Amino acid sequence: MAEQVLIPVKLQVEAMLHGQVDLLLKARLGCAPVDPRPYLTVTRADVEQYFLQHPDLAQAYYDRQHAITTNHDIHRIETDGQSYRVFALDHGKPRFERRFDTLTGAVSEHLLVAYGMY
């Protein structure tokens, strides 16, 4: 079982957002575990709250993810009219699609899915 290490939610979300979870955990644990999920305690509500407080970062995350043009075995986030879609592309075919009315909801979903936290 993972040892309990209290890491502030803000640091967890920022590490996830910038792809630096391994660095955060290494600084806190002395090593970066292969599976970081037992050490990440953020919830969907935490991530959404963070993005509500930092809407510019939500937009920047969306822009970075949307700019990725690969269509093979990747999670995507796209606009669909006035809403957003988050889905996996499996050999170019969308799977496991979820729709969101807000950018905050969509980027939160995409970020959590990227870390296996659905």
N, C-alpha and C. Protein backbone atom coordinates (compact mmCIF):
# COMPACT_ATOMS: atom_id res chain seq x y z
N MET A 1 0.84 -1.19 0.00
CA MET A 1 0.00 0.00 0.00
C MET A 1 0.88 1.24 0.00
N ALA A 2 0.42 2.29 -0.67
CA ALA A 2 1.18 3.53 -0.77
C ALA A 2 1.25 4.22 0.59
N GLU A 3 2.44 4.70 0.91
CA GLU A 3 2.55 5.45 2.16
C GLU A 3 1.80 6.76 2.01
N GLN A 4 1.26 7.23 3.11
CA GLN A 4 0.50 8.47 3.08
C GLN A 4 1.46 9.65 3.05
N VAL A 5 1.38 10.41 2.00
CA VAL A 5 2.16 11.62 1.84
C VAL A 5 1.17 12.71 1.47
N LEU A 6 1.07 13.71 2.33
CA LEU A 6 0.12 14.78 2.06
C LEU A 6 0.74 15.79 1.10
N ILE A 7 0.17 15.85 -0.08
CA ILE A 7 0.62 16.79 -1.11
C ILE A 7 -0.55 17.73 -1.38
N PRO A 8 -0.33 19.02 -1.24
CA PRO A 8 -1.43 19.95 -1.49
C PRO A 8 -2.06 19.75 -2.87
N VAL A 9 -3.38 19.88 -2.91
CA VAL A 9 -4.14 19.68 -4.14
C VAL A 9 -3.59 20.56 -5.26
N LYS A 10 -3.31 21.82 -4.95
CA LYS A 10 -2.82 22.75 -5.98
C LYS A 10 -1.54 22.21 -6.63
N LEU A 11 -0.63 21.68 -5.83
CA LEU A 11 0.61 21.13 -6.38
C LEU A 11 0.34 19.90 -7.24
N GLN A 12 -0.61 19.07 -6.82
CA GLN A 12 -0.94 17.88 -7.60
C GLN A 12 -1.51 18.27 -8.97
N VAL A 13 -2.47 19.19 -8.96
CA VAL A 13 -3.09 19.59 -10.23
C VAL A 13 -2.06 20.24 -11.14
N GLU A 14 -1.23 21.11 -10.60
CA GLU A 14 -0.22 21.78 -11.43
C GLU A 14 0.79 20.78 -11.98
N ALA A 15 1.17 19.78 -11.19
CA ALA A 15 2.09 18.75 -11.69
C ALA A 15 1.43 17.94 -12.81
N MET A 16 0.16 17.59 -12.65
CA MET A 16 -0.56 16.87 -13.69
C MET A 16 -0.66 17.72 -14.95
N LEU A 17 -0.99 18.97 -14.77
CA LEU A 17 -1.18 19.90 -15.88
C LEU A 17 0.08 20.07 -16.72
N HIS A 18 1.23 20.04 -16.07
CA HIS A 18 2.50 20.27 -16.76
C HIS A 18 3.30 18.99 -16.99
N GLY A 19 2.69 17.84 -16.75
CA GLY A 19 3.36 16.56 -16.98
C GLY A 19 4.55 16.34 -16.07
N GLN A 20 4.45 16.81 -14.83
CA GLN A 20 5.58 16.72 -13.91
C GLN A 20 5.24 15.96 -12.63
N VAL A 21 4.29 15.05 -12.71
CA VAL A 21 3.92 14.27 -11.53
C VAL A 21 5.11 13.47 -11.02
N ASP A 22 5.89 12.91 -11.93
CA ASP A 22 7.06 12.14 -11.49
C ASP A 22 8.03 13.01 -10.70
N LEU A 23 8.23 14.25 -11.13
CA LEU A 23 9.13 15.15 -10.40
C LEU A 23 8.57 15.51 -9.03
N LEU A 24 7.28 15.76 -8.97
CA LEU A 24 6.64 16.08 -7.69
C LEU A 24 6.78 14.91 -6.71
N LEU A 25 6.48 13.71 -7.18
CA LEU A 25 6.56 12.55 -6.29
C LEU A 25 7.99 12.23 -5.90
N LYS A 26 8.91 12.43 -6.82
CA LYS A 26 10.32 12.20 -6.47
C LYS A 26 10.77 13.16 -5.38
N ALA A 27 10.33 14.42 -5.47
CA ALA A 27 10.67 15.41 -4.45
C ALA A 27 10.05 15.05 -3.10
N ARG A 28 8.85 14.48 -3.11
CA ARG A 28 8.14 14.17 -1.87
C ARG A 28 8.49 12.80 -1.30
N LEU A 29 8.75 11.82 -2.18
CA LEU A 29 8.98 10.44 -1.75
C LEU A 29 10.44 10.00 -1.84
N GLY A 30 11.22 10.72 -2.61
CA GLY A 30 12.60 10.31 -2.84
C GLY A 30 12.74 9.44 -4.08
N CYS A 31 11.62 9.03 -4.65
CA CYS A 31 11.63 8.26 -5.90
C CYS A 31 10.30 8.49 -6.59
N ALA A 32 10.27 8.23 -7.87
CA ALA A 32 9.04 8.38 -8.63
C ALA A 32 8.45 6.99 -8.87
N PRO A 33 7.33 6.66 -8.24
CA PRO A 33 6.74 5.33 -8.44
C PRO A 33 6.25 5.15 -9.87
N VAL A 34 6.22 3.90 -10.30
CA VAL A 34 5.75 3.59 -11.65
C VAL A 34 4.29 4.01 -11.81
N ASP A 35 3.48 3.75 -10.81
CA ASP A 35 2.07 4.12 -10.84
C ASP A 35 1.83 5.24 -9.82
N PRO A 36 1.63 6.46 -10.30
CA PRO A 36 1.46 7.57 -9.36
C PRO A 36 0.08 7.66 -8.73
N ARG A 37 -0.89 6.93 -9.24
CA ARG A 37 -2.28 7.10 -8.80
C ARG A 37 -2.49 6.95 -7.29
N PRO A 38 -1.83 6.02 -6.62
CA PRO A 38 -2.06 5.93 -5.17
C PRO A 38 -1.64 7.18 -4.40
N TYR A 39 -0.83 8.01 -5.00
CA TYR A 39 -0.32 9.21 -4.33
C TYR A 39 -1.07 10.47 -4.74
N LEU A 40 -1.87 10.36 -5.79
CA LEU A 40 -2.66 11.50 -6.26
C LEU A 40 -4.04 11.42 -5.62
N THR A 41 -4.36 12.40 -4.83
CA THR A 41 -5.62 12.38 -4.09
C THR A 41 -6.64 13.38 -4.63
N VAL A 42 -6.31 14.05 -5.72
CA VAL A 42 -7.23 15.05 -6.26
C VAL A 42 -8.50 14.37 -6.77
N THR A 43 -9.57 15.11 -6.68
CA THR A 43 -10.86 14.65 -7.19
C THR A 43 -11.25 15.50 -8.39
N ARG A 44 -12.27 15.07 -9.08
CA ARG A 44 -12.78 15.84 -10.20
C ARG A 44 -13.18 17.24 -9.72
N ALA A 45 -13.80 17.32 -8.58
CA ALA A 45 -14.21 18.63 -8.03
C ALA A 45 -12.99 19.52 -7.79
N ASP A 46 -11.89 18.93 -7.30
CA ASP A 46 -10.66 19.70 -7.07
C ASP A 46 -10.13 20.27 -8.38
N VAL A 47 -10.09 19.43 -9.42
CA VAL A 47 -9.55 19.86 -10.71
C VAL A 47 -10.45 20.94 -11.31
N GLU A 48 -11.75 20.72 -11.25
CA GLU A 48 -12.67 21.72 -11.80
C GLU A 48 -12.55 23.05 -11.05
N GLN A 49 -12.42 22.99 -9.73
CA GLN A 49 -12.26 24.21 -8.95
C GLN A 49 -10.98 24.95 -9.35
N TYR A 50 -9.91 24.19 -9.54
CA TYR A 50 -8.63 24.79 -9.95
C TYR A 50 -8.81 25.53 -11.29
N PHE A 51 -9.45 24.86 -12.25
CA PHE A 51 -9.64 25.49 -13.56
C PHE A 51 -10.61 26.66 -13.50
N LEU A 52 -11.59 26.62 -12.61
CA LEU A 52 -12.48 27.77 -12.45
C LEU A 52 -11.71 28.97 -11.92
N GLN A 53 -10.72 28.71 -11.08
CA GLN A 53 -9.90 29.79 -10.53
C GLN A 53 -8.84 30.25 -11.53
N HIS A 54 -8.52 29.40 -12.51
CA HIS A 54 -7.48 29.70 -13.50
C HIS A 54 -8.00 29.38 -14.91
N PRO A 55 -8.99 30.11 -15.38
CA PRO A 55 -9.58 29.80 -16.69
C PRO A 55 -8.57 29.92 -17.84
N ASP A 56 -7.57 30.77 -17.67
CA ASP A 56 -6.55 30.89 -18.72
C ASP A 56 -5.75 29.60 -18.86
N LEU A 57 -5.53 28.90 -17.74
CA LEU A 57 -4.81 27.63 -17.80
C LEU A 57 -5.67 26.53 -18.41
N ALA A 58 -6.97 26.59 -18.18
CA ALA A 58 -7.88 25.64 -18.81
C ALA A 58 -7.85 25.82 -20.33
N GLN A 59 -7.89 27.06 -20.77
CA GLN A 59 -7.84 27.34 -22.21
C GLN A 59 -6.50 26.93 -22.80
N ALA A 60 -5.41 27.20 -22.10
CA ALA A 60 -4.08 26.83 -22.59
C ALA A 60 -3.95 25.31 -22.70
N TYR A 61 -4.48 24.59 -21.71
CA TYR A 61 -4.44 23.13 -21.75
C TYR A 61 -5.24 22.63 -22.96
N TYR A 62 -6.43 23.17 -23.15
CA TYR A 62 -7.24 22.78 -24.30
C TYR A 62 -6.48 23.04 -25.60
N ASP A 63 -5.90 24.21 -25.72
CA ASP A 63 -5.19 24.57 -26.95
C ASP A 63 -4.03 23.61 -27.22
N ARG A 64 -3.27 23.27 -26.19
CA ARG A 64 -2.15 22.32 -26.36
C ARG A 64 -2.65 20.95 -26.80
N GLN A 65 -3.68 20.46 -26.14
CA GLN A 65 -4.20 19.13 -26.46
C GLN A 65 -4.88 19.10 -27.83
N HIS A 66 -5.58 20.16 -28.16
CA HIS A 66 -6.28 20.21 -29.43
C HIS A 66 -5.30 20.32 -30.60
N ALA A 67 -4.13 20.87 -30.37
CA ALA A 67 -3.12 21.02 -31.42
C ALA A 67 -2.48 19.69 -31.81
N ILE A 68 -2.60 18.69 -30.97
CA ILE A 68 -2.04 17.37 -31.29
C ILE A 68 -2.89 16.75 -32.39
N THR A 69 -2.27 16.42 -33.49
CA THR A 69 -3.03 15.95 -34.66
C THR A 69 -2.98 14.45 -34.86
N THR A 70 -2.28 13.74 -34.03
CA THR A 70 -2.22 12.29 -34.17
C THR A 70 -3.62 11.70 -33.98
N ASN A 71 -3.93 10.62 -34.66
CA ASN A 71 -5.25 10.04 -34.51
C ASN A 71 -5.19 8.55 -34.19
N HIS A 72 -4.12 8.14 -33.56
CA HIS A 72 -3.95 6.72 -33.25
C HIS A 72 -3.65 6.55 -31.77
N ASP A 73 -4.57 5.91 -31.06
CA ASP A 73 -4.40 5.57 -29.65
C ASP A 73 -4.03 6.77 -28.79
N ILE A 74 -4.92 7.73 -28.75
CA ILE A 74 -4.72 8.96 -27.99
C ILE A 74 -6.07 9.43 -27.46
N HIS A 75 -6.07 10.14 -26.36
CA HIS A 75 -7.29 10.78 -25.86
C HIS A 75 -7.36 12.17 -26.48
N ARG A 76 -8.54 12.52 -26.96
CA ARG A 76 -8.72 13.80 -27.64
C ARG A 76 -9.75 14.65 -26.91
N ILE A 77 -9.65 15.94 -27.14
CA ILE A 77 -10.63 16.89 -26.66
C ILE A 77 -10.93 17.83 -27.82
N GLU A 78 -12.21 18.00 -28.11
CA GLU A 78 -12.60 18.83 -29.25
C GLU A 78 -13.87 19.60 -28.94
N THR A 79 -14.06 20.69 -29.66
CA THR A 79 -15.33 21.40 -29.57
C THR A 79 -16.32 20.73 -30.52
N ASP A 80 -17.57 20.83 -30.16
CA ASP A 80 -18.64 20.30 -30.99
C ASP A 80 -19.80 21.28 -30.87
N GLY A 81 -19.80 22.28 -31.72
CA GLY A 81 -20.78 23.35 -31.60
C GLY A 81 -20.48 24.17 -30.36
N GLN A 82 -21.42 24.24 -29.44
CA GLN A 82 -21.25 24.98 -28.20
C GLN A 82 -20.78 24.10 -27.06
N SER A 83 -20.52 22.82 -27.31
CA SER A 83 -20.09 21.91 -26.26
C SER A 83 -18.72 21.31 -26.60
N TYR A 84 -18.28 20.41 -25.75
CA TYR A 84 -16.96 19.78 -25.91
C TYR A 84 -17.11 18.28 -25.83
N ARG A 85 -16.23 17.59 -26.55
CA ARG A 85 -16.19 16.12 -26.52
C ARG A 85 -14.82 15.68 -26.05
N VAL A 86 -14.80 14.69 -25.18
CA VAL A 86 -13.56 14.04 -24.75
C VAL A 86 -13.73 12.56 -25.09
N PHE A 87 -12.77 11.99 -25.79
CA PHE A 87 -12.89 10.61 -26.22
C PHE A 87 -11.52 10.02 -26.50
N ALA A 88 -11.49 8.70 -26.56
CA ALA A 88 -10.27 7.99 -26.95
C ALA A 88 -10.35 7.70 -28.43
N LEU A 89 -9.23 7.81 -29.12
CA LEU A 89 -9.15 7.39 -30.51
C LEU A 89 -8.44 6.05 -30.54
N ASP A 90 -9.12 5.07 -31.06
CA ASP A 90 -8.57 3.73 -31.18
C ASP A 90 -8.46 3.43 -32.67
N HIS A 91 -7.24 3.46 -33.19
CA HIS A 91 -7.01 3.28 -34.62
C HIS A 91 -7.85 4.27 -35.42
N GLY A 92 -7.94 5.50 -34.92
CA GLY A 92 -8.63 6.56 -35.61
C GLY A 92 -10.13 6.62 -35.39
N LYS A 93 -10.68 5.67 -34.62
CA LYS A 93 -12.12 5.65 -34.37
C LYS A 93 -12.41 6.11 -32.95
N PRO A 94 -13.33 7.08 -32.78
CA PRO A 94 -13.66 7.57 -31.44
C PRO A 94 -14.35 6.50 -30.59
N ARG A 95 -13.93 6.42 -29.33
CA ARG A 95 -14.52 5.48 -28.38
C ARG A 95 -14.65 6.18 -27.03
N PHE A 96 -15.58 5.71 -26.23
CA PHE A 96 -15.76 6.18 -24.86
C PHE A 96 -15.97 7.70 -24.79
N GLU A 97 -16.79 8.21 -25.67
CA GLU A 97 -17.01 9.65 -25.75
C GLU A 97 -17.84 10.15 -24.58
N ARG A 98 -17.42 11.30 -24.05
CA ARG A 98 -18.20 12.02 -23.04
C ARG A 98 -18.34 13.45 -23.51
N ARG A 99 -19.50 14.03 -23.30
CA ARG A 99 -19.78 15.40 -23.71
C ARG A 99 -19.88 16.31 -22.50
N PHE A 100 -19.44 17.55 -22.69
CA PHE A 100 -19.45 18.53 -21.61
C PHE A 100 -19.94 19.86 -22.15
N ASP A 101 -20.68 20.56 -21.32
CA ASP A 101 -21.19 21.88 -21.70
C ASP A 101 -20.15 22.96 -21.49
N THR A 102 -19.15 22.68 -20.63
CA THR A 102 -18.17 23.72 -20.30
C THR A 102 -16.75 23.25 -20.61
N LEU A 103 -15.90 24.21 -20.89
CA LEU A 103 -14.49 23.93 -21.09
C LEU A 103 -13.89 23.34 -19.81
N THR A 104 -14.28 23.88 -18.67
CA THR A 104 -13.77 23.40 -17.38
C THR A 104 -14.03 21.91 -17.20
N GLY A 105 -15.25 21.49 -17.48
CA GLY A 105 -15.60 20.07 -17.36
C GLY A 105 -14.80 19.20 -18.31
N ALA A 106 -14.65 19.66 -19.54
CA ALA A 106 -13.95 18.88 -20.56
C ALA A 106 -12.46 18.75 -20.26
N VAL A 107 -11.81 19.84 -19.90
CA VAL A 107 -10.37 19.75 -19.63
C VAL A 107 -10.12 18.98 -18.34
N SER A 108 -11.02 19.07 -17.37
CA SER A 108 -10.87 18.29 -16.14
C SER A 108 -10.93 16.81 -16.46
N GLU A 109 -11.91 16.41 -17.26
CA GLU A 109 -12.04 15.01 -17.67
C GLU A 109 -10.78 14.54 -18.41
N HIS A 110 -10.33 15.32 -19.37
CA HIS A 110 -9.17 14.94 -20.17
C HIS A 110 -7.94 14.77 -19.29
N LEU A 111 -7.72 15.69 -18.36
CA LEU A 111 -6.56 15.63 -17.49
C LEU A 111 -6.63 14.40 -16.57
N LEU A 112 -7.78 14.12 -16.00
CA LEU A 112 -7.92 12.96 -15.13
C LEU A 112 -7.75 11.65 -15.91
N VAL A 113 -8.30 11.59 -17.10
CA VAL A 113 -8.16 10.39 -17.92
C VAL A 113 -6.68 10.16 -18.28
N ALA A 114 -5.95 11.24 -18.52
CA ALA A 114 -4.53 11.11 -18.87
C ALA A 114 -3.74 10.42 -17.77
N TYR A 115 -4.22 10.53 -16.54
CA TYR A 115 -3.55 9.89 -15.40
C TYR A 115 -4.30 8.66 -14.90
N GLY A 116 -5.23 8.16 -15.71
CA GLY A 116 -5.94 6.94 -15.35
C GLY A 116 -6.90 7.11 -14.19
N MET A 117 -7.37 8.33 -13.99
CA MET A 117 -8.23 8.64 -12.84
C MET A 117 -9.64 8.98 -13.32
N TYR A 118 -10.33 7.98 -13.87
CA TYR A 118 -11.68 8.26 -14.37
C TYR A 118 -12.70 8.04 -13.33
